[in-house]
Amino acid sequence: MKWTDVNDIAIELYDSKPDVDPLSVRFTDLMQWVLELPEFDDTPERCNEKILEAIQMAWLDEQD
């Protein structure tokens, strides 16, 4: 997965952290959690606030 795979990342976060409210997660923590996903293979330098917001919203959609 790369940073552009927002929906896949959201699904993985939903599966690995089912009790976490995506809106309560700081972007620094969110970035670290994404980097720690087993199938994630991209560099931190390619991440930005827009991508993290998109991941957060997709993760929220997964919960609904």
PDB file of N, CA and C in Angstrom:
ATOM      1  N   MET A   1       0.839  -1.180   0.000  1.00  0.00           N
ATOM      2  CA  MET A   1       0.000   0.000   0.000  1.00  0.00           C
ATOM      3  C   MET A   1       0.885   1.245   0.000  1.00  0.00           C
ATOM      4  N   LYS A   2       0.378   2.263  -0.627  1.00  0.00           N
ATOM      5  CA  LYS A   2       1.023   3.572  -0.674  1.00  0.00           C
ATOM      6  C   LYS A   2       0.079   4.589  -0.031  1.00  0.00           C
ATOM      7  N   TRP A   3       0.576   5.803   0.176  1.00  0.00           N
ATOM      8  CA  TRP A   3      -0.256   6.851   0.780  1.00  0.00           C
ATOM      9  C   TRP A   3      -1.519   7.117  -0.028  1.00  0.00           C
ATOM     10  N   THR A   4      -1.474   6.886  -1.314  1.00  0.00           N
ATOM     11  CA  THR A   4      -2.640   7.147  -2.163  1.00  0.00           C
ATOM     12  C   THR A   4      -3.726   6.081  -2.023  1.00  0.00           C
ATOM     13  N   ASP A   5      -3.433   4.980  -1.368  1.00  0.00           N
ATOM     14  CA  ASP A   5      -4.412   3.901  -1.160  1.00  0.00           C
ATOM     15  C   ASP A   5      -5.242   4.169   0.096  1.00  0.00           C
ATOM     16  N   VAL A   6      -5.883   5.312   0.104  1.00  0.00           N
ATOM     17  CA  VAL A   6      -6.598   5.812   1.275  1.00  0.00           C
ATOM     18  C   VAL A   6      -7.636   4.813   1.787  1.00  0.00           C
ATOM     19  N   ASN A   7      -8.452   4.266   0.909  1.00  0.00           N
ATOM     20  CA  ASN A   7      -9.506   3.352   1.353  1.00  0.00           C
ATOM     21  C   ASN A   7      -8.948   2.051   1.912  1.00  0.00           C
ATOM     22  N   ASP A   8      -7.908   1.525   1.288  1.00  0.00           N
ATOM     23  CA  ASP A   8      -7.282   0.301   1.796  1.00  0.00           C
ATOM     24  C   ASP A   8      -6.661   0.539   3.172  1.00  0.00           C
ATOM     25  N   ILE A   9      -6.034   1.690   3.339  1.00  0.00           N
ATOM     26  CA  ILE A   9      -5.443   2.046   4.635  1.00  0.00           C
ATOM     27  C   ILE A   9      -6.540   2.156   5.688  1.00  0.00           C
ATOM     28  N   ALA A  10      -7.646   2.796   5.332  1.00  0.00           N
ATOM     29  CA  ALA A  10      -8.757   2.962   6.272  1.00  0.00           C
ATOM     30  C   ALA A  10      -9.315   1.616   6.713  1.00  0.00           C
ATOM     31  N   ILE A  11      -9.436   0.690   5.795  1.00  0.00           N
ATOM     32  CA  ILE A  11      -9.938  -0.645   6.137  1.00  0.00           C
ATOM     33  C   ILE A  11      -8.979  -1.337   7.101  1.00  0.00           C
ATOM     34  N   GLU A  12      -7.697  -1.243   6.827  1.00  0.00           N
ATOM     35  CA  GLU A  12      -6.697  -1.861   7.706  1.00  0.00           C
ATOM     36  C   GLU A  12      -6.736  -1.239   9.104  1.00  0.00           C
ATOM     37  N   LEU A  13      -6.867   0.079   9.179  1.00  0.00           N
ATOM     38  CA  LEU A  13      -6.937   0.741  10.485  1.00  0.00           C
ATOM     39  C   LEU A  13      -8.210   0.353  11.222  1.00  0.00           C
ATOM     40  N   TYR A  14      -9.302   0.273  10.505  1.00  0.00           N
ATOM     41  CA  TYR A  14     -10.572  -0.139  11.112  1.00  0.00           C
ATOM     42  C   TYR A  14     -10.450  -1.551  11.686  1.00  0.00           C
ATOM     43  N   ASP A  15      -9.824  -2.441  10.944  1.00  0.00           N
ATOM     44  CA  ASP A  15      -9.655  -3.824  11.400  1.00  0.00           C
ATOM     45  C   ASP A  15      -8.682  -3.936  12.571  1.00  0.00           C
ATOM     46  N   SER A  16      -7.623  -3.148  12.547  1.00  0.00           N
ATOM     47  CA  SER A  16      -6.599  -3.268  13.590  1.00  0.00           C
ATOM     48  C   SER A  16      -6.894  -2.442  14.839  1.00  0.00           C
ATOM     49  N   LYS A  17      -7.739  -1.436  14.713  1.00  0.00           N
ATOM     50  CA  LYS A  17      -8.054  -0.567  15.854  1.00  0.00           C
ATOM     51  C   LYS A  17      -9.554  -0.294  15.913  1.00  0.00           C
ATOM     52  N   PRO A  18     -10.351  -1.349  16.122  1.00  0.00           N
ATOM     53  CA  PRO A  18     -11.814  -1.201  16.050  1.00  0.00           C
ATOM     54  C   PRO A  18     -12.427  -0.307  17.128  1.00  0.00           C
ATOM     55  N   ASP A  19     -11.743  -0.123  18.235  1.00  0.00           N
ATOM     56  CA  ASP A  19     -12.307   0.667  19.327  1.00  0.00           C
ATOM     57  C   ASP A  19     -11.865   2.128  19.324  1.00  0.00           C
ATOM     58  N   VAL A  20     -11.113   2.521  18.305  1.00  0.00           N
ATOM     59  CA  VAL A  20     -10.592   3.886  18.234  1.00  0.00           C
ATOM     60  C   VAL A  20     -11.533   4.764  17.411  1.00  0.00           C
ATOM     61  N   ASP A  21     -11.835   5.940  17.944  1.00  0.00           N
ATOM     62  CA  ASP A  21     -12.614   6.935  17.206  1.00  0.00           C
ATOM     63  C   ASP A  21     -11.641   7.691  16.293  1.00  0.00           C
ATOM     64  N   PRO A  22     -11.796   7.559  14.978  1.00  0.00           N
ATOM     65  CA  PRO A  22     -10.852   8.213  14.056  1.00  0.00           C
ATOM     66  C   PRO A  22     -10.731   9.718  14.275  1.00  0.00           C
ATOM     67  N   LEU A  23     -11.796  10.352  14.729  1.00  0.00           N
ATOM     68  CA  LEU A  23     -11.750  11.801  14.922  1.00  0.00           C
ATOM     69  C   LEU A  23     -10.950  12.207  16.158  1.00  0.00           C
ATOM     70  N   SER A  24     -10.642  11.247  17.030  1.00  0.00           N
ATOM     71  CA  SER A  24      -9.875  11.563  18.238  1.00  0.00           C
ATOM     72  C   SER A  24      -8.373  11.331  18.052  1.00  0.00           C
ATOM     73  N   VAL A  25      -7.978  10.864  16.880  1.00  0.00           N
ATOM     74  CA  VAL A  25      -6.576  10.515  16.632  1.00  0.00           C
ATOM     75  C   VAL A  25      -5.808  11.722  16.106  1.00  0.00           C
ATOM     76  N   ARG A  26      -4.679  12.005  16.734  1.00  0.00           N
ATOM     77  CA  ARG A  26      -3.805  13.085  16.248  1.00  0.00           C
ATOM     78  C   ARG A  26      -3.137  12.616  14.959  1.00  0.00           C
ATOM     79  N   PHE A  27      -2.880  13.550  14.072  1.00  0.00           N
ATOM     80  CA  PHE A  27      -2.272  13.200  12.786  1.00  0.00           C
ATOM     81  C   PHE A  27      -0.894  12.566  12.957  1.00  0.00           C
ATOM     82  N   THR A  28      -0.158  12.963  13.983  1.00  0.00           N
ATOM     83  CA  THR A  28       1.151  12.349  14.214  1.00  0.00           C
ATOM     84  C   THR A  28       0.987  10.867  14.536  1.00  0.00           C
ATOM     85  N   ASP A  29      -0.010  10.547  15.348  1.00  0.00           N
ATOM     86  CA  ASP A  29      -0.277   9.142  15.675  1.00  0.00           C
ATOM     87  C   ASP A  29      -0.798   8.388  14.457  1.00  0.00           C
ATOM     88  N   LEU A  30      -1.697   9.016  13.721  1.00  0.00           N
ATOM     89  CA  LEU A  30      -2.265   8.381  12.531  1.00  0.00           C
ATOM     90  C   LEU A  30      -1.158   8.035  11.535  1.00  0.00           C
ATOM     91  N   MET A  31      -0.273   8.954  11.312  1.00  0.00           N
ATOM     92  CA  MET A  31       0.830   8.713  10.383  1.00  0.00           C
ATOM     93  C   MET A  31       1.671   7.519  10.854  1.00  0.00           C
ATOM     94  N   GLN A  32       1.971   7.479  12.138  1.00  0.00           N
ATOM     95  CA  GLN A  32       2.783   6.378  12.670  1.00  0.00           C
ATOM     96  C   GLN A  32       2.059   5.041  12.528  1.00  0.00           C
ATOM     97  N   TRP A  33       0.763   5.016  12.808  1.00  0.00           N
ATOM     98  CA  TRP A  33      -0.016   3.778  12.690  1.00  0.00           C
ATOM     99  C   TRP A  33      -0.023   3.286  11.247  1.00  0.00           C
ATOM    100  N   VAL A  34      -0.138   4.209  10.307  1.00  0.00           N
ATOM    101  CA  VAL A  34      -0.121   3.819   8.887  1.00  0.00           C
ATOM    102  C   VAL A  34       1.245   3.236   8.528  1.00  0.00           C
ATOM    103  N   LEU A  35       2.291   3.896   8.967  1.00  0.00           N
ATOM    104  CA  LEU A  35       3.639   3.407   8.668  1.00  0.00           C
ATOM    105  C   LEU A  35       3.885   2.011   9.248  1.00  0.00           C
ATOM    106  N   GLU A  36       3.203   1.682  10.345  1.00  0.00           N
ATOM    107  CA  GLU A  36       3.371   0.395  11.005  1.00  0.00           C
ATOM    108  C   GLU A  36       2.506  -0.719  10.404  1.00  0.00           C
ATOM    109  N   LEU A  37       1.601  -0.384   9.499  1.00  0.00           N
ATOM    110  CA  LEU A  37       0.770  -1.423   8.888  1.00  0.00           C
ATOM    111  C   LEU A  37       1.666  -2.391   8.112  1.00  0.00           C
ATOM    112  N   PRO A  38       1.423  -3.690   8.259  1.00  0.00           N
ATOM    113  CA  PRO A  38       2.296  -4.693   7.642  1.00  0.00           C
ATOM    114  C   PRO A  38       2.443  -4.569   6.118  1.00  0.00           C
ATOM    115  N   GLU A  39       1.386  -4.194   5.446  1.00  0.00           N
ATOM    116  CA  GLU A  39       1.439  -4.150   3.981  1.00  0.00           C
ATOM    117  C   GLU A  39       1.740  -2.752   3.436  1.00  0.00           C
ATOM    118  N   PHE A  40       2.022  -1.808   4.330  1.00  0.00           N
ATOM    119  CA  PHE A  40       2.309  -0.446   3.889  1.00  0.00           C
ATOM    120  C   PHE A  40       3.762  -0.332   3.473  1.00  0.00           C
ATOM    121  N   ASP A  41       3.989   0.259   2.298  1.00  0.00           N
ATOM    122  CA  ASP A  41       5.342   0.383   1.770  1.00  0.00           C
ATOM    123  C   ASP A  41       5.498   1.717   1.038  1.00  0.00           C
ATOM    124  N   ASP A  42       5.666   2.765   1.816  1.00  0.00           N
ATOM    125  CA  ASP A  42       5.877   4.095   1.246  1.00  0.00           C
ATOM    126  C   ASP A  42       6.700   4.894   2.248  1.00  0.00           C
ATOM    127  N   THR A  43       7.179   6.041   1.845  1.00  0.00           N
ATOM    128  CA  THR A  43       8.032   6.836   2.724  1.00  0.00           C
ATOM    129  C   THR A  43       7.221   7.896   3.459  1.00  0.00           C
ATOM    130  N   PRO A  44       7.642   8.244   4.671  1.00  0.00           N
ATOM    131  CA  PRO A  44       6.936   9.288   5.424  1.00  0.00           C
ATOM    132  C   PRO A  44       6.937  10.628   4.702  1.00  0.00           C
ATOM    133  N   GLU A  45       7.959  10.881   3.906  1.00  0.00           N
ATOM    134  CA  GLU A  45       8.074  12.164   3.204  1.00  0.00           C
ATOM    135  C   GLU A  45       6.957  12.403   2.192  1.00  0.00           C
ATOM    136  N   ARG A  46       6.320  11.342   1.751  1.00  0.00           N
ATOM    137  CA  ARG A  46       5.242  11.488   0.763  1.00  0.00           C
ATOM    138  C   ARG A  46       3.890  11.789   1.416  1.00  0.00           C
ATOM    139  N   CYS A  47       3.870  11.791   2.728  1.00  0.00           N
ATOM    140  CA  CYS A  47       2.623  12.049   3.461  1.00  0.00           C
ATOM    141  C   CYS A  47       2.439  13.551   3.670  1.00  0.00           C
ATOM    142  N   ASN A  48       1.169  13.964   3.719  1.00  0.00           N
ATOM    143  CA  ASN A  48       0.864  15.352   4.049  1.00  0.00           C
ATOM    144  C   ASN A  48      -0.495  15.407   4.760  1.00  0.00           C
ATOM    145  N   GLU A  49      -0.868  16.581   5.208  1.00  0.00           N
ATOM    146  CA  GLU A  49      -2.098  16.740   5.979  1.00  0.00           C
ATOM    147  C   GLU A  49      -3.341  16.354   5.167  1.00  0.00           C
ATOM    148  N   LYS A  50      -3.336  16.669   3.896  1.00  0.00           N
ATOM    149  CA  LYS A  50      -4.475  16.327   3.035  1.00  0.00           C
ATOM    150  C   LYS A  50      -4.683  14.813   2.973  1.00  0.00           C
ATOM    151  N   ILE A  51      -3.604  14.063   2.845  1.00  0.00           N
ATOM    152  CA  ILE A  51      -3.704  12.600   2.810  1.00  0.00           C
ATOM    153  C   ILE A  51      -4.202  12.070   4.146  1.00  0.00           C
ATOM    154  N   LEU A  52      -3.671  12.600   5.241  1.00  0.00           N
ATOM    155  CA  LEU A  52      -4.095  12.136   6.562  1.00  0.00           C
ATOM    156  C   LEU A  52      -5.571  12.435   6.805  1.00  0.00           C
ATOM    157  N   GLU A  53      -6.037  13.590   6.361  1.00  0.00           N
ATOM    158  CA  GLU A  53      -7.461  13.925   6.482  1.00  0.00           C
ATOM    159  C   GLU A  53      -8.311  12.943   5.677  1.00  0.00           C
ATOM    160  N   ALA A  54      -7.865  12.606   4.483  1.00  0.00           N
ATOM    161  CA  ALA A  54      -8.607  11.667   3.643  1.00  0.00           C
ATOM    162  C   ALA A  54      -8.653  10.281   4.290  1.00  0.00           C
ATOM    163  N   ILE A  55      -7.545   9.846   4.867  1.00  0.00           N
ATOM    164  CA  ILE A  55      -7.521   8.560   5.569  1.00  0.00           C
ATOM    165  C   ILE A  55      -8.475   8.591   6.752  1.00  0.00           C
ATOM    166  N   GLN A  56      -8.439   9.675   7.502  1.00  0.00           N
ATOM    167  CA  GLN A  56      -9.304   9.819   8.670  1.00  0.00           C
ATOM    168  C   GLN A  56     -10.788   9.746   8.276  1.00  0.00           C
ATOM    169  N   MET A  57     -11.166  10.428   7.214  1.00  0.00           N
ATOM    170  CA  MET A  57     -12.560  10.423   6.770  1.00  0.00           C
ATOM    171  C   MET A  57     -12.973   9.048   6.226  1.00  0.00           C
ATOM    172  N   ALA A  58     -12.077   8.397   5.505  1.00  0.00           N
ATOM    173  CA  ALA A  58     -12.376   7.056   4.990  1.00  0.00           C
ATOM    174  C   ALA A  58     -12.517   6.065   6.139  1.00  0.00           C
ATOM    175  N   TRP A  59     -11.690   6.201   7.153  1.00  0.00           N
ATOM    176  CA  TRP A  59     -11.761   5.346   8.344  1.00  0.00           C
ATOM    177  C   TRP A  59     -13.092   5.581   9.054  1.00  0.00           C
ATOM    178  N   LEU A  60     -13.501   6.819   9.157  1.00  0.00           N
ATOM    179  CA  LEU A  60     -14.787   7.148   9.771  1.00  0.00           C
ATOM    180  C   LEU A  60     -15.936   6.515   8.979  1.00  0.00           C
ATOM    181  N   ASP A  61     -15.857   6.563   7.665  1.00  0.00           N
ATOM    182  CA  ASP A  61     -16.874   5.923   6.806  1.00  0.00           C
ATOM    183  C   ASP A  61     -16.925   4.423   7.042  1.00  0.00           C
ATOM    184  N   GLU A  62     -15.787   3.800   7.278  1.00  0.00           N
ATOM    185  CA  GLU A  62     -15.734   2.364   7.548  1.00  0.00           C
ATOM    186  C   GLU A  62     -16.518   2.018   8.813  1.00  0.00           C
ATOM    187  N   GLN A  63     -16.488   2.912   9.777  1.00  0.00           N
ATOM    188  CA  GLN A  63     -17.193   2.656  11.037  1.00  0.00           C
ATOM    189  C   GLN A  63     -18.695   2.756  10.884  1.00  0.00           C
ATOM    190  N   ASP A  64     -19.154   3.512   9.927  1.00  0.00           N
ATOM    191  CA  ASP A  64     -20.609   3.714   9.736  1.00  0.00           C
ATOM    192  C   ASP A  64     -21.274   2.599   9.019  1.00  0.00           C
TER     193      ASP A  64
END
